[in-house]
Amino acid sequence: MKKISQIGALLKKSYRIYGQQMLQGLTERGFSDLRPSFLEVLRCLCEHRGPTIKELGTILGLKKQTMTSHLHELEARGYIRRQVGEDRREQKIFLTEYGERFKLNLLEVTEQIEQNFRVAVGEVELDRVETLLSNFYGKLQTFEQQENLGERFF
């Protein structure tokens, strides 16, 4: 238990450093009304054009209630707009013009943070961490899927 707790704590601390740098960089560019949880939603919308609320929640691993709350806040702040899909019950989410300006700044700030991380830990170490975490996450997903199907590793 100690090992997994330590891994979780280190991941969380590392993510906080990333999030703080991201928020600071965006604040310096005029986007001072964001919280870390909003950044994940906006980053996802920058990568996926017009997902439904359900698709967005699945990608981010967030519950519908949380997604609805975040989207309401982002819509009120002018970052996103909702559009009724072909199926009237579905809403597709798009960035507004302001959201598109945010996207450009997000890409620039992300590049700067990546450069900072390269300086701090080196290119090889950064690649190694990415590969290690990708493999780790993939194995956890596989385990979770098998457990949901009633299979067990032990």
N, C-alpha and C. Protein backbone atom coordinates (compact mmCIF):
# COMPACT_ATOMS: atom_id res chain seq x y z
N MET A 1 0.82 -1.20 0.00
CA MET A 1 0.00 0.00 0.00
C MET A 1 0.86 1.26 0.00
N LYS A 2 1.98 1.19 0.68
CA LYS A 2 2.83 2.36 0.76
C LYS A 2 3.34 2.78 -0.62
N LYS A 3 3.72 1.81 -1.44
CA LYS A 3 4.29 2.13 -2.75
C LYS A 3 3.26 2.83 -3.65
N ILE A 4 2.04 2.29 -3.72
CA ILE A 4 1.04 2.89 -4.60
C ILE A 4 0.63 4.27 -4.08
N SER A 5 0.61 4.45 -2.76
CA SER A 5 0.30 5.76 -2.19
C SER A 5 1.39 6.77 -2.57
N GLN A 6 2.64 6.33 -2.53
CA GLN A 6 3.76 7.21 -2.88
C GLN A 6 3.69 7.58 -4.37
N ILE A 7 3.39 6.60 -5.22
CA ILE A 7 3.26 6.87 -6.65
C ILE A 7 2.14 7.89 -6.89
N GLY A 8 0.99 7.66 -6.27
CA GLY A 8 -0.13 8.58 -6.42
C GLY A 8 0.22 9.98 -5.96
N ALA A 9 0.90 10.09 -4.84
CA ALA A 9 1.28 11.40 -4.31
C ALA A 9 2.26 12.11 -5.24
N LEU A 10 3.23 11.37 -5.78
CA LEU A 10 4.20 11.98 -6.70
C LEU A 10 3.53 12.44 -8.00
N LEU A 11 2.61 11.62 -8.51
CA LEU A 11 1.89 12.02 -9.72
C LEU A 11 1.08 13.30 -9.47
N LYS A 12 0.42 13.34 -8.32
CA LYS A 12 -0.40 14.50 -7.99
C LYS A 12 0.46 15.75 -7.82
N LYS A 13 1.58 15.63 -7.14
CA LYS A 13 2.48 16.78 -6.95
C LYS A 13 3.04 17.26 -8.29
N SER A 14 3.41 16.32 -9.15
CA SER A 14 3.93 16.68 -10.48
C SER A 14 2.86 17.39 -11.29
N TYR A 15 1.64 16.87 -11.22
CA TYR A 15 0.53 17.47 -11.96
C TYR A 15 0.22 18.88 -11.44
N ARG A 16 0.35 19.07 -10.14
CA ARG A 16 0.12 20.41 -9.57
C ARG A 16 1.14 21.41 -10.10
N ILE A 17 2.40 21.00 -10.21
CA ILE A 17 3.42 21.90 -10.76
C ILE A 17 3.06 22.28 -12.19
N TYR A 18 2.69 21.29 -12.97
CA TYR A 18 2.26 21.53 -14.36
C TYR A 18 1.06 22.48 -14.37
N GLY A 19 0.05 22.20 -13.56
CA GLY A 19 -1.17 23.02 -13.52
C GLY A 19 -0.89 24.45 -13.09
N GLN A 20 -0.03 24.63 -12.10
CA GLN A 20 0.31 25.97 -11.64
C GLN A 20 1.03 26.75 -12.74
N GLN A 21 1.96 26.10 -13.42
CA GLN A 21 2.65 26.78 -14.53
C GLN A 21 1.68 27.12 -15.66
N MET A 22 0.75 26.21 -15.92
CA MET A 22 -0.23 26.44 -16.98
C MET A 22 -1.12 27.63 -16.63
N LEU A 23 -1.66 27.64 -15.42
CA LEU A 23 -2.53 28.75 -15.00
C LEU A 23 -1.78 30.07 -14.97
N GLN A 24 -0.53 30.05 -14.51
CA GLN A 24 0.27 31.27 -14.47
C GLN A 24 0.50 31.81 -15.89
N GLY A 25 0.88 30.92 -16.80
CA GLY A 25 1.12 31.34 -18.18
C GLY A 25 -0.14 31.89 -18.84
N LEU A 26 -1.27 31.26 -18.59
CA LEU A 26 -2.53 31.73 -19.18
C LEU A 26 -3.00 33.03 -18.53
N THR A 27 -2.78 33.17 -17.23
CA THR A 27 -3.14 34.41 -16.53
C THR A 27 -2.34 35.57 -17.11
N GLU A 28 -1.08 35.35 -17.36
CA GLU A 28 -0.22 36.39 -17.95
C GLU A 28 -0.71 36.80 -19.33
N ARG A 29 -1.47 35.94 -19.99
CA ARG A 29 -2.00 36.22 -21.32
C ARG A 29 -3.45 36.69 -21.30
N GLY A 30 -3.95 36.95 -20.09
CA GLY A 30 -5.29 37.51 -19.97
C GLY A 30 -6.40 36.53 -19.65
N PHE A 31 -6.07 35.27 -19.46
CA PHE A 31 -7.07 34.25 -19.15
C PHE A 31 -6.98 33.92 -17.66
N SER A 32 -7.48 34.82 -16.84
CA SER A 32 -7.31 34.69 -15.38
C SER A 32 -8.53 34.11 -14.68
N ASP A 33 -9.53 33.70 -15.43
CA ASP A 33 -10.78 33.23 -14.82
C ASP A 33 -10.93 31.71 -14.83
N LEU A 34 -9.81 31.01 -14.90
CA LEU A 34 -9.87 29.55 -15.03
C LEU A 34 -9.41 28.84 -13.77
N ARG A 35 -9.94 27.63 -13.60
CA ARG A 35 -9.51 26.72 -12.54
C ARG A 35 -8.86 25.51 -13.22
N PRO A 36 -8.03 24.78 -12.48
CA PRO A 36 -7.38 23.60 -13.09
C PRO A 36 -8.38 22.62 -13.72
N SER A 37 -9.52 22.42 -13.09
CA SER A 37 -10.49 21.46 -13.64
C SER A 37 -11.04 21.93 -14.99
N PHE A 38 -11.13 23.24 -15.20
CA PHE A 38 -11.60 23.77 -16.48
C PHE A 38 -10.57 23.53 -17.58
N LEU A 39 -9.29 23.56 -17.21
CA LEU A 39 -8.24 23.39 -18.21
C LEU A 39 -8.34 22.05 -18.91
N GLU A 40 -8.66 21.00 -18.17
CA GLU A 40 -8.77 19.68 -18.77
C GLU A 40 -9.91 19.64 -19.79
N VAL A 41 -11.02 20.25 -19.44
CA VAL A 41 -12.17 20.28 -20.35
C VAL A 41 -11.81 21.08 -21.60
N LEU A 42 -11.21 22.24 -21.41
CA LEU A 42 -10.85 23.08 -22.56
C LEU A 42 -9.78 22.43 -23.43
N ARG A 43 -8.80 21.81 -22.79
CA ARG A 43 -7.76 21.12 -23.56
C ARG A 43 -8.39 20.04 -24.43
N CYS A 44 -9.33 19.31 -23.87
CA CYS A 44 -10.01 18.26 -24.61
C CYS A 44 -10.80 18.85 -25.79
N LEU A 45 -11.46 19.97 -25.56
CA LEU A 45 -12.21 20.62 -26.63
C LEU A 45 -11.29 21.17 -27.72
N CYS A 46 -10.07 21.50 -27.35
CA CYS A 46 -9.09 21.94 -28.34
C CYS A 46 -8.65 20.78 -29.23
N GLU A 47 -8.71 19.57 -28.70
CA GLU A 47 -8.27 18.38 -29.43
C GLU A 47 -9.40 17.66 -30.16
N HIS A 48 -10.65 17.86 -29.72
CA HIS A 48 -11.81 17.17 -30.30
C HIS A 48 -12.87 18.21 -30.65
N ARG A 49 -13.16 18.33 -31.91
CA ARG A 49 -14.13 19.34 -32.35
C ARG A 49 -15.56 18.81 -32.23
N GLY A 50 -16.36 19.49 -31.43
CA GLY A 50 -17.79 19.21 -31.33
C GLY A 50 -18.20 17.92 -30.68
N PRO A 51 -17.53 17.50 -29.59
CA PRO A 51 -18.01 16.28 -28.93
C PRO A 51 -19.33 16.54 -28.20
N THR A 52 -20.06 15.47 -27.93
CA THR A 52 -21.26 15.59 -27.10
C THR A 52 -20.80 15.64 -25.64
N ILE A 53 -21.71 16.00 -24.76
CA ILE A 53 -21.39 16.03 -23.33
C ILE A 53 -20.97 14.63 -22.88
N LYS A 54 -21.67 13.62 -23.35
CA LYS A 54 -21.36 12.24 -22.97
C LYS A 54 -19.97 11.84 -23.46
N GLU A 55 -19.64 12.18 -24.71
CA GLU A 55 -18.32 11.85 -25.26
C GLU A 55 -17.22 12.55 -24.47
N LEU A 56 -17.44 13.81 -24.17
CA LEU A 56 -16.48 14.59 -23.40
C LEU A 56 -16.26 13.97 -22.02
N GLY A 57 -17.34 13.59 -21.36
CA GLY A 57 -17.25 12.96 -20.05
C GLY A 57 -16.50 11.65 -20.10
N THR A 58 -16.73 10.87 -21.15
CA THR A 58 -16.04 9.59 -21.31
C THR A 58 -14.54 9.81 -21.52
N ILE A 59 -14.19 10.74 -22.38
CA ILE A 59 -12.78 11.04 -22.65
C ILE A 59 -12.07 11.47 -21.37
N LEU A 60 -12.73 12.32 -20.59
CA LEU A 60 -12.11 12.89 -19.39
C LEU A 60 -12.32 12.04 -18.14
N GLY A 61 -13.20 11.06 -18.23
CA GLY A 61 -13.47 10.23 -17.06
C GLY A 61 -14.24 10.98 -15.99
N LEU A 62 -15.13 11.89 -16.40
CA LEU A 62 -15.92 12.69 -15.46
C LEU A 62 -17.39 12.30 -15.55
N LYS A 63 -18.07 12.42 -14.43
CA LYS A 63 -19.50 12.13 -14.38
C LYS A 63 -20.28 13.24 -15.08
N LYS A 64 -21.50 12.90 -15.52
CA LYS A 64 -22.33 13.85 -16.24
C LYS A 64 -22.60 15.10 -15.41
N GLN A 65 -22.84 14.94 -14.12
CA GLN A 65 -23.12 16.09 -13.26
C GLN A 65 -21.92 17.04 -13.21
N THR A 66 -20.72 16.50 -13.10
CA THR A 66 -19.51 17.31 -13.08
C THR A 66 -19.32 18.00 -14.42
N MET A 67 -19.51 17.25 -15.51
CA MET A 67 -19.36 17.81 -16.86
C MET A 67 -20.34 18.96 -17.05
N THR A 68 -21.59 18.76 -16.67
CA THR A 68 -22.62 19.79 -16.85
C THR A 68 -22.25 21.05 -16.09
N SER A 69 -21.75 20.90 -14.88
CA SER A 69 -21.34 22.04 -14.06
C SER A 69 -20.18 22.80 -14.71
N HIS A 70 -19.16 22.07 -15.14
CA HIS A 70 -18.00 22.70 -15.80
C HIS A 70 -18.42 23.42 -17.08
N LEU A 71 -19.25 22.76 -17.88
CA LEU A 71 -19.67 23.35 -19.14
C LEU A 71 -20.52 24.60 -18.91
N HIS A 72 -21.36 24.57 -17.91
CA HIS A 72 -22.16 25.75 -17.58
C HIS A 72 -21.25 26.93 -17.25
N GLU A 73 -20.23 26.68 -16.43
CA GLU A 73 -19.28 27.75 -16.06
C GLU A 73 -18.51 28.26 -17.27
N LEU A 74 -18.04 27.34 -18.11
CA LEU A 74 -17.26 27.74 -19.28
C LEU A 74 -18.11 28.49 -20.30
N GLU A 75 -19.37 28.12 -20.40
CA GLU A 75 -20.30 28.83 -21.29
C GLU A 75 -20.55 30.24 -20.76
N ALA A 76 -20.76 30.37 -19.47
CA ALA A 76 -20.99 31.68 -18.85
C ALA A 76 -19.78 32.60 -19.01
N ARG A 77 -18.59 32.02 -19.07
CA ARG A 77 -17.36 32.80 -19.20
C ARG A 77 -16.99 33.06 -20.67
N GLY A 78 -17.77 32.49 -21.58
CA GLY A 78 -17.58 32.80 -23.00
C GLY A 78 -16.62 31.89 -23.76
N TYR A 79 -16.21 30.78 -23.17
CA TYR A 79 -15.26 29.89 -23.84
C TYR A 79 -15.92 28.90 -24.79
N ILE A 80 -17.14 28.49 -24.48
CA ILE A 80 -17.79 27.45 -25.27
C ILE A 80 -19.21 27.85 -25.62
N ARG A 81 -19.75 27.12 -26.61
CA ARG A 81 -21.17 27.23 -26.94
C ARG A 81 -21.68 25.82 -27.17
N ARG A 82 -22.96 25.66 -26.91
CA ARG A 82 -23.61 24.36 -27.13
C ARG A 82 -24.45 24.44 -28.39
N GLN A 83 -24.50 23.34 -29.11
CA GLN A 83 -25.30 23.28 -30.33
C GLN A 83 -26.07 21.96 -30.31
N VAL A 84 -27.36 22.05 -30.54
CA VAL A 84 -28.19 20.85 -30.57
C VAL A 84 -27.79 20.01 -31.77
N GLY A 85 -27.57 18.72 -31.52
CA GLY A 85 -27.15 17.81 -32.58
C GLY A 85 -28.34 17.30 -33.39
N GLU A 86 -28.07 16.35 -34.28
CA GLU A 86 -29.13 15.75 -35.10
C GLU A 86 -30.18 15.10 -34.20
N ASP A 87 -29.69 14.41 -33.19
CA ASP A 87 -30.57 13.86 -32.16
C ASP A 87 -30.82 15.00 -31.18
N ARG A 88 -32.01 15.51 -31.14
CA ARG A 88 -32.36 16.70 -30.34
C ARG A 88 -31.96 16.58 -28.86
N ARG A 89 -31.80 15.35 -28.40
CA ARG A 89 -31.43 15.15 -26.99
C ARG A 89 -29.94 15.39 -26.75
N GLU A 90 -29.15 15.40 -27.82
CA GLU A 90 -27.71 15.58 -27.69
C GLU A 90 -27.30 17.02 -27.98
N GLN A 91 -26.35 17.48 -27.20
CA GLN A 91 -25.75 18.78 -27.44
C GLN A 91 -24.29 18.58 -27.77
N LYS A 92 -23.84 19.24 -28.82
CA LYS A 92 -22.43 19.21 -29.17
C LYS A 92 -21.79 20.48 -28.60
N ILE A 93 -20.55 20.36 -28.18
CA ILE A 93 -19.85 21.45 -27.53
C ILE A 93 -18.75 21.96 -28.46
N PHE A 94 -18.72 23.29 -28.66
CA PHE A 94 -17.73 23.92 -29.52
C PHE A 94 -17.09 25.10 -28.79
N LEU A 95 -15.86 25.41 -29.18
CA LEU A 95 -15.22 26.61 -28.67
C LEU A 95 -15.83 27.82 -29.37
N THR A 96 -15.99 28.91 -28.65
CA THR A 96 -16.42 30.17 -29.23
C THR A 96 -15.20 30.85 -29.85
N GLU A 97 -15.39 32.05 -30.40
CA GLU A 97 -14.26 32.81 -30.92
C GLU A 97 -13.25 33.07 -29.79
N TYR A 98 -13.76 33.42 -28.63
CA TYR A 98 -12.90 33.63 -27.46
C TYR A 98 -12.20 32.33 -27.08
N GLY A 99 -12.92 31.23 -27.16
CA GLY A 99 -12.34 29.92 -26.89
C GLY A 99 -11.23 29.56 -27.87
N GLU A 100 -11.41 29.96 -29.13
CA GLU A 100 -10.37 29.71 -30.15
C GLU A 100 -9.12 30.55 -29.85
N ARG A 101 -9.29 31.78 -29.37
CA ARG A 101 -8.14 32.60 -28.96
C ARG A 101 -7.43 31.93 -27.77
N PHE A 102 -8.24 31.41 -26.85
CA PHE A 102 -7.68 30.67 -25.73
C PHE A 102 -6.84 29.50 -26.24
N LYS A 103 -7.36 28.78 -27.21
CA LYS A 103 -6.67 27.60 -27.76
C LYS A 103 -5.27 27.96 -28.25
N LEU A 104 -5.16 29.06 -28.98
CA LEU A 104 -3.84 29.49 -29.48
C LEU A 104 -2.89 29.77 -28.31
N ASN A 105 -3.39 30.44 -27.29
CA ASN A 105 -2.56 30.74 -26.12
C ASN A 105 -2.22 29.47 -25.36
N LEU A 106 -3.16 28.55 -25.26
CA LEU A 106 -2.91 27.28 -24.58
C LEU A 106 -1.77 26.53 -25.26
N LEU A 107 -1.78 26.50 -26.58
CA LEU A 107 -0.72 25.80 -27.32
C LEU A 107 0.63 26.45 -27.06
N GLU A 108 0.68 27.78 -27.04
CA GLU A 108 1.94 28.49 -26.79
C GLU A 108 2.43 28.25 -25.37
N VAL A 109 1.54 28.33 -24.39
CA VAL A 109 1.92 28.10 -23.00
C VAL A 109 2.36 26.66 -22.79
N THR A 110 1.66 25.72 -23.41
CA THR A 110 2.04 24.31 -23.31
C THR A 110 3.44 24.08 -23.85
N GLU A 111 3.76 24.71 -24.98
CA GLU A 111 5.10 24.58 -25.57
C GLU A 111 6.16 25.15 -24.62
N GLN A 112 5.86 26.27 -24.00
CA GLN A 112 6.81 26.87 -23.06
C GLN A 112 7.03 25.96 -21.84
N ILE A 113 5.96 25.40 -21.32
CA ILE A 113 6.08 24.50 -20.17
C ILE A 113 6.88 23.26 -20.56
N GLU A 114 6.64 22.75 -21.74
CA GLU A 114 7.40 21.58 -22.18
C GLU A 114 8.88 21.91 -22.27
N GLN A 115 9.21 23.09 -22.76
CA GLN A 115 10.61 23.52 -22.81
C GLN A 115 11.18 23.61 -21.39
N ASN A 116 10.40 24.16 -20.45
CA ASN A 116 10.84 24.26 -19.06
C ASN A 116 11.11 22.88 -18.47
N PHE A 117 10.23 21.94 -18.76
CA PHE A 117 10.40 20.58 -18.24
C PHE A 117 11.62 19.91 -18.87
N ARG A 118 11.86 20.17 -20.16
CA ARG A 118 13.05 19.61 -20.81
C ARG A 118 14.32 20.11 -20.14
N VAL A 119 14.34 21.40 -19.82
CA VAL A 119 15.49 21.98 -19.13
C VAL A 119 15.64 21.37 -17.73
N ALA A 120 14.53 21.21 -17.03
CA ALA A 120 14.56 20.72 -15.66
C ALA A 120 14.98 19.26 -15.55
N VAL A 121 14.46 18.40 -16.43
CA VAL A 121 14.72 16.96 -16.29
C VAL A 121 15.45 16.34 -17.48
N GLY A 122 15.52 17.03 -18.60
CA GLY A 122 16.19 16.50 -19.79
C GLY A 122 15.22 15.79 -20.72
N GLU A 123 15.56 15.81 -21.99
CA GLU A 123 14.71 15.22 -23.03
C GLU A 123 14.53 13.71 -22.84
N VAL A 124 15.62 13.02 -22.55
CA VAL A 124 15.57 11.56 -22.40
C VAL A 124 14.68 11.18 -21.22
N GLU A 125 14.85 11.87 -20.11
CA GLU A 125 14.05 11.56 -18.92
C GLU A 125 12.57 11.86 -19.17
N LEU A 126 12.28 12.95 -19.87
CA LEU A 126 10.90 13.30 -20.18
C LEU A 126 10.26 12.22 -21.05
N ASP A 127 10.99 11.74 -22.06
CA ASP A 127 10.49 10.65 -22.90
C ASP A 127 10.29 9.38 -22.09
N ARG A 128 11.21 9.09 -21.20
CA ARG A 128 11.13 7.89 -20.37
C ARG A 128 9.90 7.93 -19.47
N VAL A 129 9.66 9.08 -18.86
CA VAL A 129 8.49 9.22 -17.97
C VAL A 129 7.20 9.06 -18.77
N GLU A 130 7.15 9.67 -19.95
CA GLU A 130 5.95 9.55 -20.78
C GLU A 130 5.68 8.09 -21.15
N THR A 131 6.70 7.38 -21.56
CA THR A 131 6.55 5.97 -21.93
C THR A 131 6.13 5.13 -20.72
N LEU A 132 6.79 5.35 -19.60
CA LEU A 132 6.49 4.60 -18.39
C LEU A 132 5.04 4.83 -17.94
N LEU A 133 4.61 6.09 -17.91
CA LEU A 133 3.24 6.39 -17.47
C LEU A 133 2.20 5.89 -18.47
N SER A 134 2.52 5.95 -19.74
CA SER A 134 1.60 5.44 -20.76
C SER A 134 1.41 3.94 -20.58
N ASN A 135 2.49 3.21 -20.38
CA ASN A 135 2.41 1.77 -20.14
C ASN A 135 1.67 1.46 -18.85
N PHE A 136 1.98 2.19 -17.80
CA PHE A 136 1.35 2.00 -16.49
C PHE A 136 -0.16 2.20 -16.60
N TYR A 137 -0.57 3.30 -17.25
CA TYR A 137 -1.99 3.60 -17.41
C TYR A 137 -2.68 2.53 -18.27
N GLY A 138 -2.03 2.11 -19.33
CA GLY A 138 -2.61 1.08 -20.18
C GLY A 138 -2.85 -0.23 -19.44
N LYS A 139 -1.90 -0.62 -18.60
CA LYS A 139 -2.06 -1.84 -17.81
C LYS A 139 -3.18 -1.70 -16.79
N LEU A 140 -3.29 -0.53 -16.17
CA LEU A 140 -4.38 -0.30 -15.22
C LEU A 140 -5.74 -0.35 -15.91
N GLN A 141 -5.82 0.23 -17.11
CA GLN A 141 -7.07 0.18 -17.86
C GLN A 141 -7.44 -1.25 -18.20
N THR A 142 -6.48 -2.04 -18.67
CA THR A 142 -6.72 -3.43 -19.01
C THR A 142 -7.20 -4.19 -17.79
N PHE A 143 -6.53 -3.98 -16.66
CA PHE A 143 -6.92 -4.63 -15.41
C PHE A 143 -8.35 -4.27 -15.03
N GLU A 144 -8.67 -2.99 -15.12
CA GLU A 144 -10.00 -2.52 -14.76
C GLU A 144 -11.07 -3.12 -15.68
N GLN A 145 -10.78 -3.19 -16.97
CA GLN A 145 -11.73 -3.76 -17.92
C GLN A 145 -11.95 -5.24 -17.64
N GLN A 146 -10.89 -5.97 -17.36
CA GLN A 146 -11.02 -7.39 -17.07
C GLN A 146 -11.76 -7.61 -15.76
N GLU A 147 -11.50 -6.76 -14.79
CA GLU A 147 -12.20 -6.86 -13.51
C GLU A 147 -13.69 -6.59 -13.71
N ASN A 148 -14.02 -5.63 -14.58
CA ASN A 148 -15.42 -5.33 -14.88
C ASN A 148 -16.10 -6.47 -15.61
N LEU A 149 -15.35 -7.26 -16.31
CA LEU A 149 -15.89 -8.44 -17.00
C LEU A 149 -15.94 -9.66 -16.10
N GLY A 150 -15.53 -9.51 -14.85
CA GLY A 150 -15.58 -10.62 -13.92
C GLY A 150 -14.30 -11.44 -13.88
N GLU A 151 -13.30 -11.04 -14.63
CA GLU A 151 -12.03 -11.76 -14.63
C GLU A 151 -11.13 -11.14 -13.56
N ARG A 152 -10.21 -11.90 -13.08
CA ARG A 152 -9.28 -11.43 -12.05
C ARG A 152 -7.87 -11.89 -12.41
N PHE A 153 -6.89 -11.09 -12.04
CA PHE A 153 -5.50 -11.48 -12.25
C PHE A 153 -5.03 -12.46 -11.19
N PHE A 154 -5.68 -12.48 -10.04
CA PHE A 154 -5.22 -13.35 -8.95
C PHE A 154 -6.27 -14.34 -8.54
